[in-house]
Every structure is written in structure tokens, then in C-alpha cells.
Amino acid sequence: MFQVTPLRRLVVTALAVCAAVIAPSAAGPVSAQPAQPARPGSAAAADGRVPLAPPPVREEDRAGDDHLTVTVRHAGRGADGTFEVHCHPARGSHPDPDGACGAVDRNTRWGRDAFAPVAGGELCTMRYGGPATAQVTGRWAGRPVDATFDRGNGCQIERWDRFVPLLPGPRPASGGGVAEAPVP
């Protein structure tokens, strides 16, 4: 009986790949230029080669598809509501569409979810940032977005603050400023 070892499997796979690469090239070179009609007497008409056209642009790769809907609750100061933001170019019903798009752009890194929740197991300060919550939905960088934000602990507050002004900034302390101790 014939035994297949990992080395034989590797050699057979390599040979199959080489055959797949060499076989099409035996028919002649292929161009990646857009197809144009061959003129009589041209080289393309003589040897029967047809140039390849570039692949079509996918809908999610088109510029200008970045659209977010932001719903804010319990933030106060007139910050509550639902706002639309379209980016690249910035526009929409958000109070600051340029700043909102800039905040998301700053948090966007290739291969990472800009709206990812705080990772489990993080050590977070036991600070409370208020009852404000936000829901962000839509599409960003060609990917669907459905993110929830709150200010329940230090990690959640930090995540929220990274997206200001897409999300409203924290409320100032009551009294309009820093309280000073009376001087004796």
C-alpha cells in the first residue's frame, strides 16, 4: 500500500501549484490593461490575446459611504437626541460634523475595530461619569457599526472621551467652574 507522508503531500501540492501557474502562461502573456478593441493587423488581433479588465470597484470600497447615527440619552445640556453624521465630506444633523468625523478618524486603525468595547478583564477605576449613554450605528470604513457607550467606570469614560465630539463632552461641574476654598 502507498503511504502518504507530509513531505510527499508537500511535494505534490507544490507541483500542482507550479502546474497551475505554468499552464496559463503557455497560452501567452496576459495584460492587466483595460480591454480595447483590437485594430486589424495589430499584435492582439493576430495572436488572439484579449487584455484583462480591472476588477469592478466593490460598493463598500467607494469613498463617501461613512455614515453614522448617534443616539445620546441622559447627557443633559441639550446634548440628548439622535444625530446623523456623514463623513468624507463631513455633513449631517450632528452639532459638529467636522469634529465628529475627525474624532472617528483619529480612532481608526487598520485591522482594528474603532468602536470595539472595552476588553474584558481590564482593571478600571471605580469612577462614575454620569448616567449618559450613547448608541452609534451605521457604516464606517466599509464595516457595519453597532456600538454602545456609557460612563460607568474609568475605562468606559476613557472610551467615551476618545470619541468627543462625536459623543458629547462631560458636563462641567455645577456652579460653572472649579470651586475654591475660602481663604482664612
N, C-alpha and C. Protein backbone atom coordinates (compact mmCIF):
# COMPACT_ATOMS: atom_id res chain seq x y z
N MET A 1 0.85 -1.18 0.00
CA MET A 1 0.00 0.00 0.00
C MET A 1 0.89 1.24 0.00
N PHE A 2 0.43 2.29 -0.66
CA PHE A 2 1.17 3.53 -0.80
C PHE A 2 0.87 4.43 0.39
N GLN A 3 1.93 4.82 1.10
CA GLN A 3 1.75 5.67 2.28
C GLN A 3 2.06 7.12 1.92
N VAL A 4 1.16 8.06 2.29
CA VAL A 4 1.36 9.48 2.01
C VAL A 4 1.98 10.12 3.25
N THR A 5 3.19 10.61 3.10
CA THR A 5 3.86 11.29 4.21
C THR A 5 3.69 12.79 4.03
N PRO A 6 3.90 13.55 5.07
CA PRO A 6 3.76 15.00 4.94
C PRO A 6 4.69 15.58 3.87
N LEU A 7 5.89 15.02 3.72
CA LEU A 7 6.82 15.52 2.71
C LEU A 7 6.29 15.25 1.31
N ARG A 8 5.74 14.05 1.07
CA ARG A 8 5.16 13.75 -0.25
C ARG A 8 3.97 14.66 -0.52
N ARG A 9 3.15 14.91 0.49
CA ARG A 9 1.99 15.77 0.33
C ARG A 9 2.46 17.19 -0.05
N LEU A 10 3.52 17.66 0.57
CA LEU A 10 4.07 18.97 0.27
C LEU A 10 4.58 19.03 -1.17
N VAL A 11 5.30 17.99 -1.61
CA VAL A 11 5.85 17.95 -2.97
C VAL A 11 4.72 17.92 -3.99
N VAL A 12 3.70 17.11 -3.75
CA VAL A 12 2.58 17.01 -4.68
C VAL A 12 1.84 18.36 -4.75
N THR A 13 1.65 19.00 -3.63
CA THR A 13 0.98 20.31 -3.61
C THR A 13 1.81 21.34 -4.38
N ALA A 14 3.13 21.35 -4.16
CA ALA A 14 4.00 22.30 -4.86
C ALA A 14 3.95 22.06 -6.37
N LEU A 15 3.95 20.82 -6.79
CA LEU A 15 3.88 20.51 -8.22
C LEU A 15 2.54 20.97 -8.81
N ALA A 16 1.47 20.78 -8.07
CA ALA A 16 0.15 21.20 -8.56
C ALA A 16 0.09 22.71 -8.71
N VAL A 17 0.68 23.43 -7.75
CA VAL A 17 0.69 24.90 -7.82
C VAL A 17 1.51 25.35 -9.02
N CYS A 18 2.69 24.75 -9.21
CA CYS A 18 3.53 25.10 -10.37
C CYS A 18 2.80 24.84 -11.68
N ALA A 19 2.12 23.72 -11.77
CA ALA A 19 1.39 23.39 -12.99
C ALA A 19 0.27 24.41 -13.24
N ALA A 20 -0.39 24.85 -12.17
CA ALA A 20 -1.47 25.82 -12.32
C ALA A 20 -0.93 27.17 -12.76
N VAL A 21 0.29 27.50 -12.35
CA VAL A 21 0.88 28.79 -12.73
C VAL A 21 1.44 28.72 -14.15
N ILE A 22 2.06 27.61 -14.50
CA ILE A 22 2.72 27.49 -15.80
C ILE A 22 1.71 27.29 -16.93
N ALA A 23 0.64 26.55 -16.70
CA ALA A 23 -0.31 26.23 -17.77
C ALA A 23 -0.91 27.48 -18.42
N PRO A 24 -1.41 28.46 -17.67
CA PRO A 24 -1.96 29.64 -18.34
C PRO A 24 -0.89 30.44 -19.08
N SER A 25 0.34 30.46 -18.58
CA SER A 25 1.36 31.26 -19.24
C SER A 25 1.80 30.63 -20.56
N ALA A 26 1.53 29.36 -20.78
CA ALA A 26 1.86 28.71 -22.04
C ALA A 26 1.01 29.27 -23.18
N ALA A 27 -0.16 29.82 -22.82
CA ALA A 27 -1.05 30.40 -23.83
C ALA A 27 -0.60 31.79 -24.23
N GLY A 28 0.37 32.36 -23.53
CA GLY A 28 0.87 33.68 -23.86
C GLY A 28 0.62 34.65 -22.72
N PRO A 29 1.30 35.79 -22.75
CA PRO A 29 1.13 36.76 -21.67
C PRO A 29 -0.26 37.38 -21.69
N VAL A 30 -0.70 37.78 -20.51
CA VAL A 30 -2.00 38.40 -20.35
C VAL A 30 -1.78 39.80 -19.82
N SER A 31 -2.48 40.77 -20.35
CA SER A 31 -2.31 42.15 -19.94
C SER A 31 -3.34 42.51 -18.89
N ALA A 32 -2.94 43.37 -17.94
CA ALA A 32 -3.87 43.85 -16.93
C ALA A 32 -4.45 45.20 -17.32
N GLN A 33 -4.21 45.64 -18.53
CA GLN A 33 -4.74 46.91 -19.01
C GLN A 33 -6.20 46.74 -19.41
N PRO A 34 -6.99 47.82 -19.33
CA PRO A 34 -8.39 47.71 -19.75
C PRO A 34 -8.49 47.26 -21.20
N ALA A 35 -9.50 46.46 -21.47
CA ALA A 35 -9.69 45.92 -22.81
C ALA A 35 -10.07 47.03 -23.78
N GLN A 36 -9.40 47.03 -24.94
CA GLN A 36 -9.74 47.96 -26.01
C GLN A 36 -9.91 47.12 -27.27
N PRO A 37 -10.77 47.54 -28.15
CA PRO A 37 -10.97 46.74 -29.36
C PRO A 37 -9.66 46.63 -30.13
N ALA A 38 -9.38 45.45 -30.63
CA ALA A 38 -8.16 45.21 -31.40
C ALA A 38 -8.35 45.75 -32.81
N ARG A 39 -7.34 46.49 -33.24
CA ARG A 39 -7.37 47.02 -34.61
C ARG A 39 -6.92 45.92 -35.55
N PRO A 40 -7.46 45.85 -36.73
CA PRO A 40 -7.00 44.85 -37.70
C PRO A 40 -5.50 45.03 -37.94
N GLY A 41 -4.79 43.93 -37.92
CA GLY A 41 -3.35 43.96 -38.16
C GLY A 41 -2.54 44.17 -36.90
N SER A 42 -3.19 44.43 -35.75
CA SER A 42 -2.42 44.64 -34.52
C SER A 42 -1.98 43.29 -33.97
N ALA A 43 -1.02 43.33 -33.02
CA ALA A 43 -0.49 42.10 -32.43
C ALA A 43 -1.58 41.36 -31.67
N ALA A 44 -2.48 42.12 -30.98
CA ALA A 44 -3.54 41.47 -30.21
C ALA A 44 -4.51 40.74 -31.13
N ALA A 45 -4.78 41.32 -32.26
CA ALA A 45 -5.70 40.67 -33.20
C ALA A 45 -5.04 39.46 -33.83
N ALA A 46 -3.71 39.53 -34.03
CA ALA A 46 -3.00 38.45 -34.70
C ALA A 46 -2.90 37.20 -33.83
N ASP A 47 -2.58 37.38 -32.54
CA ASP A 47 -2.38 36.18 -31.72
C ASP A 47 -3.61 35.80 -30.89
N GLY A 48 -4.68 36.59 -30.95
CA GLY A 48 -5.93 36.22 -30.28
C GLY A 48 -5.97 36.54 -28.80
N ARG A 49 -4.93 37.22 -28.26
CA ARG A 49 -4.95 37.57 -26.83
C ARG A 49 -5.97 38.68 -26.58
N VAL A 50 -6.65 38.58 -25.45
CA VAL A 50 -7.58 39.62 -25.05
C VAL A 50 -7.10 40.18 -23.72
N PRO A 51 -6.83 41.49 -23.64
CA PRO A 51 -6.36 42.06 -22.37
C PRO A 51 -7.42 41.93 -21.29
N LEU A 52 -6.96 41.80 -20.04
CA LEU A 52 -7.87 41.70 -18.90
C LEU A 52 -8.29 43.08 -18.44
N ALA A 53 -9.53 43.21 -17.99
CA ALA A 53 -10.02 44.46 -17.43
C ALA A 53 -9.82 44.42 -15.92
N PRO A 54 -9.65 45.58 -15.26
CA PRO A 54 -9.51 45.57 -13.81
C PRO A 54 -10.82 45.13 -13.16
N PRO A 55 -10.74 44.60 -11.95
CA PRO A 55 -11.98 44.17 -11.29
C PRO A 55 -12.86 45.36 -10.97
N PRO A 56 -14.17 45.17 -10.89
CA PRO A 56 -15.05 46.28 -10.57
C PRO A 56 -14.83 46.74 -9.13
N VAL A 57 -15.11 47.99 -8.86
CA VAL A 57 -14.98 48.53 -7.51
C VAL A 57 -16.14 48.02 -6.68
N ARG A 58 -15.81 47.46 -5.52
CA ARG A 58 -16.87 46.97 -4.63
C ARG A 58 -17.59 48.15 -4.00
N GLU A 59 -18.85 47.98 -3.70
CA GLU A 59 -19.65 49.06 -3.13
C GLU A 59 -19.06 49.56 -1.81
N GLU A 60 -18.55 48.65 -0.96
CA GLU A 60 -18.01 49.07 0.33
C GLU A 60 -16.67 49.79 0.20
N ASP A 61 -16.02 49.73 -0.98
CA ASP A 61 -14.76 50.42 -1.19
C ASP A 61 -14.94 51.83 -1.71
N ARG A 62 -16.14 52.20 -2.04
CA ARG A 62 -16.38 53.54 -2.58
C ARG A 62 -16.23 54.58 -1.47
N ALA A 63 -15.66 55.71 -1.82
CA ALA A 63 -15.48 56.79 -0.85
C ALA A 63 -16.83 57.44 -0.56
N GLY A 64 -16.96 58.00 0.62
CA GLY A 64 -18.17 58.73 0.96
C GLY A 64 -19.27 57.88 1.55
N ASP A 65 -19.01 56.62 1.88
CA ASP A 65 -20.04 55.77 2.45
C ASP A 65 -20.05 55.79 3.97
N ASP A 66 -19.18 56.58 4.59
CA ASP A 66 -19.11 56.60 6.06
C ASP A 66 -20.30 57.39 6.59
N HIS A 67 -21.19 56.68 7.27
CA HIS A 67 -22.43 57.27 7.78
C HIS A 67 -22.70 56.68 9.16
N LEU A 68 -22.91 57.54 10.14
CA LEU A 68 -23.19 57.08 11.50
C LEU A 68 -24.44 57.78 12.02
N THR A 69 -25.21 57.04 12.81
CA THR A 69 -26.35 57.59 13.54
C THR A 69 -26.00 57.49 15.02
N VAL A 70 -26.02 58.62 15.70
CA VAL A 70 -25.64 58.70 17.11
C VAL A 70 -26.88 59.05 17.92
N THR A 71 -27.24 58.19 18.87
CA THR A 71 -28.37 58.45 19.77
C THR A 71 -27.82 58.61 21.17
N VAL A 72 -28.01 59.79 21.77
CA VAL A 72 -27.48 60.11 23.10
C VAL A 72 -28.65 60.29 24.05
N ARG A 73 -28.50 59.72 25.25
CA ARG A 73 -29.54 59.84 26.29
C ARG A 73 -28.88 60.22 27.61
N HIS A 74 -29.59 61.00 28.40
CA HIS A 74 -29.21 61.38 29.77
C HIS A 74 -27.89 62.16 29.84
N ALA A 75 -27.52 62.84 28.75
CA ALA A 75 -26.29 63.63 28.78
C ALA A 75 -26.58 65.07 29.24
N GLY A 76 -27.83 65.51 29.15
CA GLY A 76 -28.19 66.84 29.60
C GLY A 76 -27.70 67.93 28.66
N ARG A 77 -27.88 69.19 29.08
CA ARG A 77 -27.45 70.39 28.35
C ARG A 77 -27.89 70.40 26.90
N GLY A 78 -28.96 69.79 26.55
CA GLY A 78 -29.41 69.78 25.17
C GLY A 78 -28.62 68.83 24.28
N ALA A 79 -27.80 67.97 24.88
CA ALA A 79 -26.98 67.04 24.10
C ALA A 79 -27.73 65.77 23.75
N ASP A 80 -28.89 65.54 24.39
CA ASP A 80 -29.66 64.34 24.11
C ASP A 80 -30.30 64.45 22.74
N GLY A 81 -30.44 63.31 22.07
CA GLY A 81 -31.11 63.30 20.78
C GLY A 81 -30.46 62.31 19.84
N THR A 82 -30.96 62.28 18.62
CA THR A 82 -30.42 61.41 17.58
C THR A 82 -29.87 62.31 16.47
N PHE A 83 -28.62 62.05 16.09
CA PHE A 83 -27.93 62.88 15.12
C PHE A 83 -27.36 62.00 14.02
N GLU A 84 -27.38 62.52 12.80
CA GLU A 84 -26.80 61.83 11.64
C GLU A 84 -25.46 62.49 11.33
N VAL A 85 -24.47 61.66 10.99
CA VAL A 85 -23.16 62.16 10.60
C VAL A 85 -22.74 61.42 9.33
N HIS A 86 -22.44 62.17 8.29
CA HIS A 86 -21.85 61.63 7.06
C HIS A 86 -20.45 62.20 6.98
N CYS A 87 -19.47 61.37 6.71
CA CYS A 87 -18.09 61.84 6.65
C CYS A 87 -17.52 61.69 5.25
N HIS A 88 -16.50 62.48 5.00
CA HIS A 88 -15.74 62.47 3.74
C HIS A 88 -16.60 62.82 2.55
N PRO A 89 -17.20 63.97 2.45
CA PRO A 89 -17.06 65.17 3.25
C PRO A 89 -18.02 65.16 4.45
N ALA A 90 -17.66 65.92 5.49
CA ALA A 90 -18.43 65.96 6.74
C ALA A 90 -19.71 66.77 6.55
N ARG A 91 -20.83 66.16 6.97
CA ARG A 91 -22.12 66.83 6.92
C ARG A 91 -23.10 66.05 7.78
N GLY A 92 -24.28 66.59 8.00
CA GLY A 92 -25.31 65.89 8.75
C GLY A 92 -25.94 66.77 9.80
N SER A 93 -26.81 66.18 10.61
CA SER A 93 -27.55 66.93 11.63
C SER A 93 -26.79 67.01 12.95
N HIS A 94 -25.62 66.40 13.04
CA HIS A 94 -24.80 66.47 14.25
C HIS A 94 -24.38 67.93 14.48
N PRO A 95 -24.30 68.39 15.74
CA PRO A 95 -23.91 69.78 16.00
C PRO A 95 -22.51 70.14 15.47
N ASP A 96 -21.61 69.17 15.38
CA ASP A 96 -20.25 69.43 14.90
C ASP A 96 -19.81 68.28 13.98
N PRO A 97 -20.30 68.23 12.73
CA PRO A 97 -19.96 67.10 11.87
C PRO A 97 -18.46 67.00 11.57
N ASP A 98 -17.76 68.13 11.40
CA ASP A 98 -16.31 68.08 11.15
C ASP A 98 -15.58 67.46 12.33
N GLY A 99 -15.90 67.92 13.53
CA GLY A 99 -15.25 67.39 14.73
C GLY A 99 -15.60 65.93 14.97
N ALA A 100 -16.88 65.56 14.69
CA ALA A 100 -17.30 64.17 14.89
C ALA A 100 -16.55 63.24 13.96
N CYS A 101 -16.43 63.62 12.68
CA CYS A 101 -15.69 62.79 11.72
C CYS A 101 -14.21 62.72 12.10
N GLY A 102 -13.66 63.84 12.56
CA GLY A 102 -12.27 63.86 12.99
C GLY A 102 -12.02 62.94 14.17
N ALA A 103 -12.97 62.90 15.11
CA ALA A 103 -12.81 62.02 16.28
C ALA A 103 -12.79 60.56 15.87
N VAL A 104 -13.65 60.18 14.93
CA VAL A 104 -13.67 58.78 14.49
C VAL A 104 -12.43 58.48 13.66
N ASP A 105 -12.02 59.42 12.82
CA ASP A 105 -10.79 59.23 12.03
C ASP A 105 -9.59 59.00 12.95
N ARG A 106 -9.48 59.76 14.04
CA ARG A 106 -8.36 59.60 14.98
C ARG A 106 -8.34 58.22 15.62
N ASN A 107 -9.50 57.62 15.79
CA ASN A 107 -9.59 56.31 16.44
C ASN A 107 -9.56 55.14 15.48
N THR A 108 -9.47 55.42 14.19
CA THR A 108 -9.49 54.34 13.19
C THR A 108 -8.08 53.86 12.92
N ARG A 109 -7.85 52.57 13.11
CA ARG A 109 -6.57 51.92 12.83
C ARG A 109 -6.84 50.72 11.95
N TRP A 110 -5.98 50.50 10.95
CA TRP A 110 -6.15 49.39 10.02
C TRP A 110 -6.17 48.07 10.79
N GLY A 111 -7.16 47.25 10.54
CA GLY A 111 -7.27 45.94 11.15
C GLY A 111 -7.86 45.94 12.54
N ARG A 112 -8.29 47.09 13.05
CA ARG A 112 -8.89 47.16 14.39
C ARG A 112 -10.26 47.80 14.31
N ASP A 113 -11.15 47.35 15.17
CA ASP A 113 -12.49 47.92 15.24
C ASP A 113 -12.43 49.20 16.06
N ALA A 114 -12.65 50.33 15.41
CA ALA A 114 -12.58 51.62 16.11
C ALA A 114 -13.61 51.70 17.23
N PHE A 115 -14.71 50.99 17.11
CA PHE A 115 -15.80 51.08 18.07
C PHE A 115 -15.84 49.88 19.02
N ALA A 116 -14.77 49.12 19.10
CA ALA A 116 -14.75 47.91 19.95
C ALA A 116 -15.00 48.29 21.41
N PRO A 117 -15.73 47.44 22.12
CA PRO A 117 -15.96 47.71 23.55
C PRO A 117 -14.67 47.52 24.34
N VAL A 118 -14.71 47.94 25.58
CA VAL A 118 -13.57 47.74 26.48
C VAL A 118 -13.35 46.24 26.64
N ALA A 119 -12.10 45.82 26.51
CA ALA A 119 -11.78 44.40 26.62
C ALA A 119 -12.12 43.87 28.01
N GLY A 120 -12.60 42.64 28.07
CA GLY A 120 -12.90 42.01 29.35
C GLY A 120 -11.64 41.81 30.17
N GLY A 121 -11.74 41.86 31.47
CA GLY A 121 -10.61 41.63 32.35
C GLY A 121 -9.74 42.86 32.57
N GLU A 122 -10.13 44.01 32.01
CA GLU A 122 -9.37 45.24 32.21
C GLU A 122 -9.54 45.71 33.65
N LEU A 123 -8.49 46.31 34.20
CA LEU A 123 -8.58 46.94 35.51
C LEU A 123 -9.00 48.38 35.29
N CYS A 124 -10.16 48.74 35.81
CA CYS A 124 -10.72 50.06 35.59
C CYS A 124 -10.96 50.76 36.92
N THR A 125 -10.76 52.07 36.93
CA THR A 125 -11.03 52.82 38.15
C THR A 125 -12.52 52.79 38.45
N MET A 126 -12.87 52.85 39.70
CA MET A 126 -14.27 52.81 40.12
C MET A 126 -14.81 54.24 40.20
N ARG A 127 -14.76 54.91 39.09
CA ARG A 127 -15.25 56.26 38.99
C ARG A 127 -16.53 56.24 38.17
N TYR A 128 -17.45 57.10 38.52
CA TYR A 128 -18.72 57.16 37.81
C TYR A 128 -18.78 58.46 37.04
N GLY A 129 -19.00 58.38 35.74
CA GLY A 129 -19.01 59.56 34.90
C GLY A 129 -20.38 60.10 34.59
N GLY A 130 -21.41 59.57 35.22
CA GLY A 130 -22.76 60.06 34.99
C GLY A 130 -23.61 59.06 34.24
N PRO A 131 -24.91 59.38 34.09
CA PRO A 131 -25.85 58.43 33.51
C PRO A 131 -25.91 58.44 31.98
N ALA A 132 -25.07 59.23 31.32
CA ALA A 132 -25.16 59.36 29.86
C ALA A 132 -24.88 58.03 29.17
N THR A 133 -25.66 57.76 28.13
CA THR A 133 -25.44 56.58 27.29
C THR A 133 -25.53 57.03 25.83
N ALA A 134 -24.91 56.25 24.96
CA ALA A 134 -24.97 56.55 23.53
C ALA A 134 -24.97 55.25 22.75
N GLN A 135 -25.67 55.27 21.64
CA GLN A 135 -25.71 54.15 20.70
C GLN A 135 -25.25 54.71 19.36
N VAL A 136 -24.23 54.09 18.76
CA VAL A 136 -23.72 54.52 17.46
C VAL A 136 -23.93 53.37 16.48
N THR A 137 -24.64 53.64 15.39
CA THR A 137 -24.90 52.62 14.37
C THR A 137 -24.57 53.21 13.00
N GLY A 138 -24.41 52.34 12.03
CA GLY A 138 -24.16 52.79 10.66
C GLY A 138 -23.04 52.00 10.02
N ARG A 139 -22.24 52.69 9.17
CA ARG A 139 -21.10 52.08 8.49
C ARG A 139 -19.91 53.00 8.63
N TRP A 140 -18.75 52.41 8.92
CA TRP A 140 -17.52 53.18 8.99
C TRP A 140 -16.42 52.35 8.36
N ALA A 141 -15.68 52.93 7.43
CA ALA A 141 -14.58 52.26 6.73
C ALA A 141 -15.05 50.96 6.08
N GLY A 142 -16.28 50.97 5.58
CA GLY A 142 -16.82 49.82 4.89
C GLY A 142 -17.34 48.72 5.78
N ARG A 143 -17.35 48.95 7.08
CA ARG A 143 -17.81 47.92 8.02
C ARG A 143 -19.03 48.39 8.79
N PRO A 144 -19.92 47.48 9.14
CA PRO A 144 -21.08 47.88 9.93
C PRO A 144 -20.66 48.26 11.35
N VAL A 145 -21.38 49.22 11.93
CA VAL A 145 -21.11 49.69 13.29
C VAL A 145 -22.38 49.55 14.10
N ASP A 146 -22.26 48.99 15.30
CA ASP A 146 -23.34 48.94 16.28
C ASP A 146 -22.67 48.93 17.65
N ALA A 147 -22.42 50.12 18.19
CA ALA A 147 -21.65 50.25 19.42
C ALA A 147 -22.46 50.97 20.48
N THR A 148 -22.28 50.55 21.73
CA THR A 148 -22.94 51.17 22.88
C THR A 148 -21.88 51.78 23.77
N PHE A 149 -22.14 52.99 24.25
CA PHE A 149 -21.22 53.69 25.13
C PHE A 149 -21.93 54.08 26.41
N ASP A 150 -21.19 54.09 27.53
CA ASP A 150 -21.69 54.65 28.79
C ASP A 150 -20.49 55.19 29.55
N ARG A 151 -20.74 55.78 30.71
CA ARG A 151 -19.68 56.38 31.51
C ARG A 151 -19.67 55.75 32.90
N GLY A 152 -19.83 54.40 32.95
CA GLY A 152 -19.99 53.69 34.21
C GLY A 152 -18.73 53.43 35.00
N ASN A 153 -17.54 53.49 34.39
CA ASN A 153 -16.29 53.32 35.12
C ASN A 153 -15.17 54.02 34.35
N GLY A 154 -13.97 54.00 34.88
CA GLY A 154 -12.86 54.72 34.26
C GLY A 154 -12.57 54.28 32.84
N CYS A 155 -12.65 52.99 32.55
CA CYS A 155 -12.38 52.50 31.19
C CYS A 155 -13.45 52.97 30.22
N GLN A 156 -14.72 52.91 30.67
CA GLN A 156 -15.82 53.36 29.81
C GLN A 156 -15.75 54.87 29.57
N ILE A 157 -15.34 55.63 30.60
CA ILE A 157 -15.20 57.07 30.46
C ILE A 157 -14.09 57.39 29.45
N GLU A 158 -12.97 56.69 29.55
CA GLU A 158 -11.87 56.90 28.62
C GLU A 158 -12.30 56.60 27.19
N ARG A 159 -13.02 55.50 27.01
CA ARG A 159 -13.50 55.13 25.67
C ARG A 159 -14.43 56.21 25.13
N TRP A 160 -15.36 56.69 25.96
CA TRP A 160 -16.28 57.76 25.57
C TRP A 160 -15.50 59.01 25.17
N ASP A 161 -14.55 59.42 26.03
CA ASP A 161 -13.80 60.65 25.80
C ASP A 161 -12.99 60.61 24.51
N ARG A 162 -12.56 59.43 24.07
CA ARG A 162 -11.83 59.33 22.80
C ARG A 162 -12.70 59.74 21.62
N PHE A 163 -14.01 59.64 21.76
CA PHE A 163 -14.93 59.95 20.66
C PHE A 163 -15.59 61.33 20.78
N VAL A 164 -15.16 62.14 21.73
CA VAL A 164 -15.66 63.51 21.80
C VAL A 164 -15.01 64.28 20.65
N PRO A 165 -15.72 64.98 19.80
CA PRO A 165 -17.09 65.47 19.89
C PRO A 165 -18.14 64.65 19.15
N LEU A 166 -17.82 63.43 18.67
CA LEU A 166 -18.89 62.58 18.13
C LEU A 166 -19.92 62.37 19.24
N LEU A 167 -19.43 62.08 20.45
CA LEU A 167 -20.26 61.98 21.64
C LEU A 167 -20.08 63.27 22.42
N PRO A 168 -21.10 63.71 23.16
CA PRO A 168 -20.96 64.97 23.89
C PRO A 168 -19.90 64.87 24.99
N GLY A 169 -19.20 65.98 25.22
CA GLY A 169 -18.20 66.03 26.28
C GLY A 169 -18.86 66.00 27.64
N PRO A 170 -18.07 65.75 28.68
CA PRO A 170 -18.66 65.69 30.02
C PRO A 170 -19.20 67.04 30.44
N ARG A 171 -20.22 66.99 31.29
CA ARG A 171 -20.82 68.23 31.80
C ARG A 171 -19.85 68.93 32.74
N PRO A 172 -19.81 70.27 32.69
CA PRO A 172 -18.99 70.97 33.67
C PRO A 172 -19.60 70.83 35.05
N ALA A 173 -18.77 71.00 36.07
CA ALA A 173 -19.25 70.90 37.44
C ALA A 173 -20.29 71.98 37.68
N SER A 174 -21.26 71.69 38.56
CA SER A 174 -22.29 72.68 38.85
C SER A 174 -21.64 73.92 39.44
N GLY A 175 -22.14 75.07 39.11
CA GLY A 175 -21.53 76.31 39.56
C GLY A 175 -20.67 76.93 38.48
N GLY A 176 -20.44 76.19 37.39
CA GLY A 176 -19.75 76.76 36.25
C GLY A 176 -18.24 76.76 36.34
N GLY A 177 -17.63 76.15 37.31
CA GLY A 177 -16.18 76.17 37.35
C GLY A 177 -15.64 75.39 38.52
N VAL A 178 -14.38 75.62 38.80
CA VAL A 178 -13.71 74.93 39.89
C VAL A 178 -14.03 75.66 41.18
N ALA A 179 -14.43 74.92 42.17
CA ALA A 179 -14.73 75.53 43.47
C ALA A 179 -13.43 75.80 44.22
N GLU A 180 -13.32 76.98 44.75
CA GLU A 180 -12.13 77.33 45.51
C GLU A 180 -12.48 77.38 46.99
N ALA A 181 -11.53 76.96 47.79
CA ALA A 181 -11.73 77.01 49.24
C ALA A 181 -11.58 78.46 49.69
N PRO A 182 -12.38 78.88 50.63
CA PRO A 182 -12.25 80.25 51.11
C PRO A 182 -10.91 80.45 51.80
N VAL A 183 -10.34 81.60 51.61
CA VAL A 183 -9.06 81.92 52.22
C VAL A 183 -9.33 82.51 53.60
N PRO A 184 -8.69 81.96 54.66
CA PRO A 184 -8.98 82.48 56.02
C PRO A 184 -8.38 83.83 56.27
